[in-house]
N, C-alpha and C. Protein backbone atom coordinates (compact mmCIF):
# COMPACT_ATOMS: atom_id res chain seq x y z
N MET A 1 -0.09 -2.68 -52.14
CA MET A 1 0.87 -3.52 -51.38
C MET A 1 1.74 -2.66 -50.38
N ALA A 2 2.36 -1.67 -50.90
CA ALA A 2 3.14 -0.85 -50.08
C ALA A 2 2.36 -0.20 -48.91
N ALA A 3 1.16 0.06 -49.04
CA ALA A 3 0.32 0.68 -48.00
C ALA A 3 -0.06 -0.22 -46.96
N LEU A 4 -0.22 -1.73 -47.23
CA LEU A 4 -0.42 -2.76 -46.29
C LEU A 4 0.90 -2.95 -45.69
N VAL A 5 2.10 -2.83 -46.40
CA VAL A 5 3.40 -3.06 -45.36
C VAL A 5 3.74 -1.96 -44.44
N GLU A 6 3.11 -0.77 -45.10
CA GLU A 6 3.37 0.55 -43.97
C GLU A 6 2.39 0.41 -42.88
N GLN A 7 1.14 -0.11 -43.33
CA GLN A 7 0.08 -0.30 -41.94
C GLN A 7 0.46 -1.32 -40.99
N LYS A 8 1.05 -2.56 -41.60
CA LYS A 8 1.75 -3.50 -40.64
C LYS A 8 2.69 -2.88 -39.80
N ARG A 9 3.60 -2.00 -40.40
CA ARG A 9 4.76 -1.51 -39.50
C ARG A 9 4.34 -0.63 -38.54
N GLN A 10 3.42 0.24 -38.96
CA GLN A 10 2.84 1.12 -37.75
C GLN A 10 2.10 0.36 -36.68
N LEU A 11 1.39 -0.72 -37.08
CA LEU A 11 0.69 -1.52 -36.18
C LEU A 11 1.64 -2.16 -35.24
N ALA A 12 2.70 -2.73 -35.76
CA ALA A 12 3.83 -3.37 -35.07
C ALA A 12 4.28 -2.39 -33.99
N ALA A 13 4.61 -1.13 -34.65
CA ALA A 13 5.16 -0.28 -33.43
C ALA A 13 4.17 0.23 -32.54
N GLU A 14 3.06 0.34 -32.89
CA GLU A 14 1.95 0.75 -31.91
C GLU A 14 2.01 -0.53 -30.79
N ASN A 15 1.84 -1.65 -31.28
CA ASN A 15 1.95 -2.92 -30.48
C ASN A 15 2.94 -3.03 -29.55
N GLU A 16 4.21 -2.61 -30.05
CA GLU A 16 5.28 -2.63 -29.22
C GLU A 16 5.33 -1.49 -27.92
N GLU A 17 4.68 -0.35 -28.43
CA GLU A 17 4.59 0.81 -27.41
C GLU A 17 3.60 0.34 -26.41
N LEU A 18 2.30 -0.35 -26.83
CA LEU A 18 1.49 -0.78 -25.83
C LEU A 18 1.92 -1.79 -24.93
N ARG A 19 2.79 -2.89 -25.35
CA ARG A 19 3.46 -3.75 -24.49
C ARG A 19 4.56 -2.95 -23.45
N ARG A 20 5.20 -1.95 -23.88
CA ARG A 20 6.11 -1.18 -22.94
C ARG A 20 5.22 -0.58 -21.89
N THR A 21 4.21 -0.08 -22.39
CA THR A 21 3.14 0.72 -21.32
C THR A 21 2.61 -0.18 -20.49
N LEU A 22 2.35 -1.46 -20.84
CA LEU A 22 1.79 -2.32 -20.06
C LEU A 22 2.78 -2.88 -19.10
N THR A 23 3.93 -3.03 -19.50
CA THR A 23 5.08 -3.52 -18.58
C THR A 23 5.25 -2.55 -17.51
N ARG A 24 5.21 -1.18 -17.70
CA ARG A 24 5.47 0.04 -16.85
C ARG A 24 4.35 0.04 -15.85
N ARG A 25 3.09 -0.33 -16.27
CA ARG A 25 2.05 -0.14 -15.49
C ARG A 25 2.09 -1.33 -14.58
N ASP A 26 2.37 -2.69 -15.04
CA ASP A 26 2.54 -3.72 -14.19
C ASP A 26 3.57 -3.52 -13.06
N ASP A 27 4.65 -2.99 -13.49
CA ASP A 27 5.68 -2.61 -12.46
C ASP A 27 5.16 -1.55 -11.55
N GLN A 28 4.52 -0.63 -11.85
CA GLN A 28 3.73 0.52 -10.86
C GLN A 28 2.65 -0.47 -10.01
N VAL A 29 1.85 -1.21 -10.54
CA VAL A 29 1.00 -2.01 -9.75
C VAL A 29 1.69 -2.80 -8.61
N ARG A 30 2.70 -3.43 -9.02
CA ARG A 30 3.68 -4.41 -8.15
C ARG A 30 4.25 -3.49 -7.08
N THR A 31 4.66 -2.32 -7.44
CA THR A 31 5.19 -1.54 -6.31
C THR A 31 4.11 -0.94 -5.52
N LEU A 32 2.83 -0.62 -5.99
CA LEU A 32 1.94 -0.12 -5.14
C LEU A 32 1.55 -1.18 -4.36
N GLU A 33 1.21 -2.31 -4.86
CA GLU A 33 0.63 -3.62 -3.99
C GLU A 33 1.92 -3.87 -2.84
N GLU A 34 3.10 -3.84 -3.29
CA GLU A 34 4.02 -4.00 -2.11
C GLU A 34 3.96 -2.82 -1.08
N ARG A 35 3.75 -1.60 -1.50
CA ARG A 35 3.60 -0.56 -0.71
C ARG A 35 2.21 -0.76 0.34
N LEU A 36 1.25 -1.04 -0.41
CA LEU A 36 0.10 -1.28 0.46
C LEU A 36 0.20 -2.38 1.37
N ARG A 37 0.91 -3.63 1.31
CA ARG A 37 1.10 -4.71 2.06
C ARG A 37 1.86 -4.00 3.21
N ASP A 38 3.06 -3.21 2.86
CA ASP A 38 3.98 -2.86 3.88
C ASP A 38 3.00 -1.69 4.99
N LEU A 39 2.01 -0.93 4.34
CA LEU A 39 1.26 -0.19 5.03
C LEU A 39 0.41 -0.64 6.01
N ASN A 40 -0.26 -1.88 5.38
CA ASN A 40 -1.22 -2.56 6.18
C ASN A 40 -0.47 -3.17 7.32
N GLN A 41 0.59 -3.67 7.10
CA GLN A 41 1.47 -4.27 8.23
C GLN A 41 1.58 -3.26 9.31
N ARG A 42 2.05 -2.06 8.82
CA ARG A 42 2.51 -1.06 9.85
C ARG A 42 1.05 -0.52 10.81
N ARG A 43 0.00 -0.66 10.05
CA ARG A 43 -1.51 -0.34 10.51
C ARG A 43 -1.82 -1.55 11.51
N ARG A 44 -1.40 -2.68 11.33
CA ARG A 44 -1.90 -3.81 12.24
C ARG A 44 -0.95 -3.59 13.31
N ASP A 45 0.29 -3.31 13.06
CA ASP A 45 1.39 -2.98 14.37
C ASP A 45 0.85 -1.86 15.15
N VAL A 46 0.47 -0.96 14.60
CA VAL A 46 -0.09 0.28 15.28
C VAL A 46 -1.42 -0.11 16.35
N ILE A 47 -2.19 -0.86 15.48
CA ILE A 47 -3.21 -1.19 16.21
C ILE A 47 -3.20 -2.25 17.49
N LYS A 48 -2.18 -3.07 17.21
CA LYS A 48 -1.70 -4.04 18.37
C LYS A 48 -1.20 -3.21 19.31
N ARG A 49 -0.32 -2.41 19.12
CA ARG A 49 0.33 -1.55 20.22
C ARG A 49 -0.57 -0.56 20.82
N ILE A 50 -1.72 -0.02 20.29
CA ILE A 50 -2.74 0.63 20.91
C ILE A 50 -3.56 -0.27 21.79
N ASP A 51 -3.74 -1.51 21.40
CA ASP A 51 -4.53 -2.66 22.27
C ASP A 51 -3.76 -2.95 23.47
N GLU A 52 -2.41 -2.89 23.31
CA GLU A 52 -1.63 -3.32 24.38
C GLU A 52 -1.46 -2.17 25.47
N LEU A 53 -1.50 -0.79 24.90
CA LEU A 53 -1.56 0.13 25.92
C LEU A 53 -2.89 0.51 26.55
N ILE A 54 -3.91 0.09 25.70
CA ILE A 54 -5.36 0.26 26.35
C ILE A 54 -5.48 -0.89 27.65
N ALA A 55 -4.82 -1.97 27.24
CA ALA A 55 -4.71 -3.19 28.32
C ALA A 55 -4.10 -2.79 29.58
N GLN A 56 -2.79 -2.03 29.34
CA GLN A 56 -2.15 -1.68 30.27
C GLN A 56 -2.92 -0.44 31.25
N VAL A 57 -3.59 0.51 30.44
CA VAL A 57 -4.20 1.47 31.25
C VAL A 57 -5.56 0.72 32.00
N ASP A 58 -6.38 -0.25 31.31
CA ASP A 58 -7.22 -0.94 32.00
C ASP A 58 -6.77 -1.55 33.20
N GLY A 59 -5.52 -2.06 33.16
CA GLY A 59 -4.95 -2.72 34.20
C GLY A 59 -4.67 -1.74 35.48
N PHE A 60 -4.60 -0.48 35.16
CA PHE A 60 -4.10 0.29 36.46
C PHE A 60 -5.60 0.30 37.30
N GLY A 61 -6.46 0.52 36.79
CA GLY A 61 -7.89 0.19 37.64
C GLY A 61 -8.07 1.69 38.17
N PRO A 62 -9.12 1.79 38.97
CA PRO A 62 -9.71 3.16 39.50
C PRO A 62 -8.82 3.73 40.58
N ALA A 63 -7.77 2.93 40.81
CA ALA A 63 -6.80 3.42 42.19
C ALA A 63 -5.95 4.57 41.59
N THR A 64 -5.84 4.70 39.97
CA THR A 64 -5.02 5.80 39.76
C THR A 64 -5.89 7.03 39.08
N SER A 65 -6.59 7.48 39.96
CA SER A 65 -7.26 8.66 39.45
C SER A 65 -6.67 9.88 39.60
N VAL A 66 -7.03 10.99 39.21
CA VAL A 66 -6.57 12.33 39.44
C VAL A 66 -6.31 12.68 40.85
N GLU A 67 -7.49 12.39 41.56
CA GLU A 67 -7.27 12.46 43.04
C GLU A 67 -6.21 11.74 43.88
N ASP A 68 -6.00 10.52 43.43
CA ASP A 68 -5.00 9.66 44.09
C ASP A 68 -3.76 9.96 43.73
N ALA A 69 -3.64 10.73 42.63
CA ALA A 69 -2.19 11.20 42.16
C ALA A 69 -1.73 12.59 42.77
N GLY A 70 -2.76 12.99 43.37
CA GLY A 70 -2.44 14.33 44.10
C GLY A 70 -2.55 15.67 43.29
N LEU A 71 -3.16 15.42 42.10
CA LEU A 71 -3.33 16.41 41.26
C LEU A 71 -4.62 17.34 41.47
């Protein structure tokens, strides 16, 4: 009987440790997901800015060649 009580105590302690580990991992996953969202937003912002710059360069047309700039 005492062995069963001890086994139950050990299993309860192990269960509690597993719950704490799971909670820490859940927190890490949430943190990583938040960081991923932020980085994806930054990536979208950079892509948008690059597209805007390309549109500006395209708007200059052929009149802005190296020869026209006197270079």
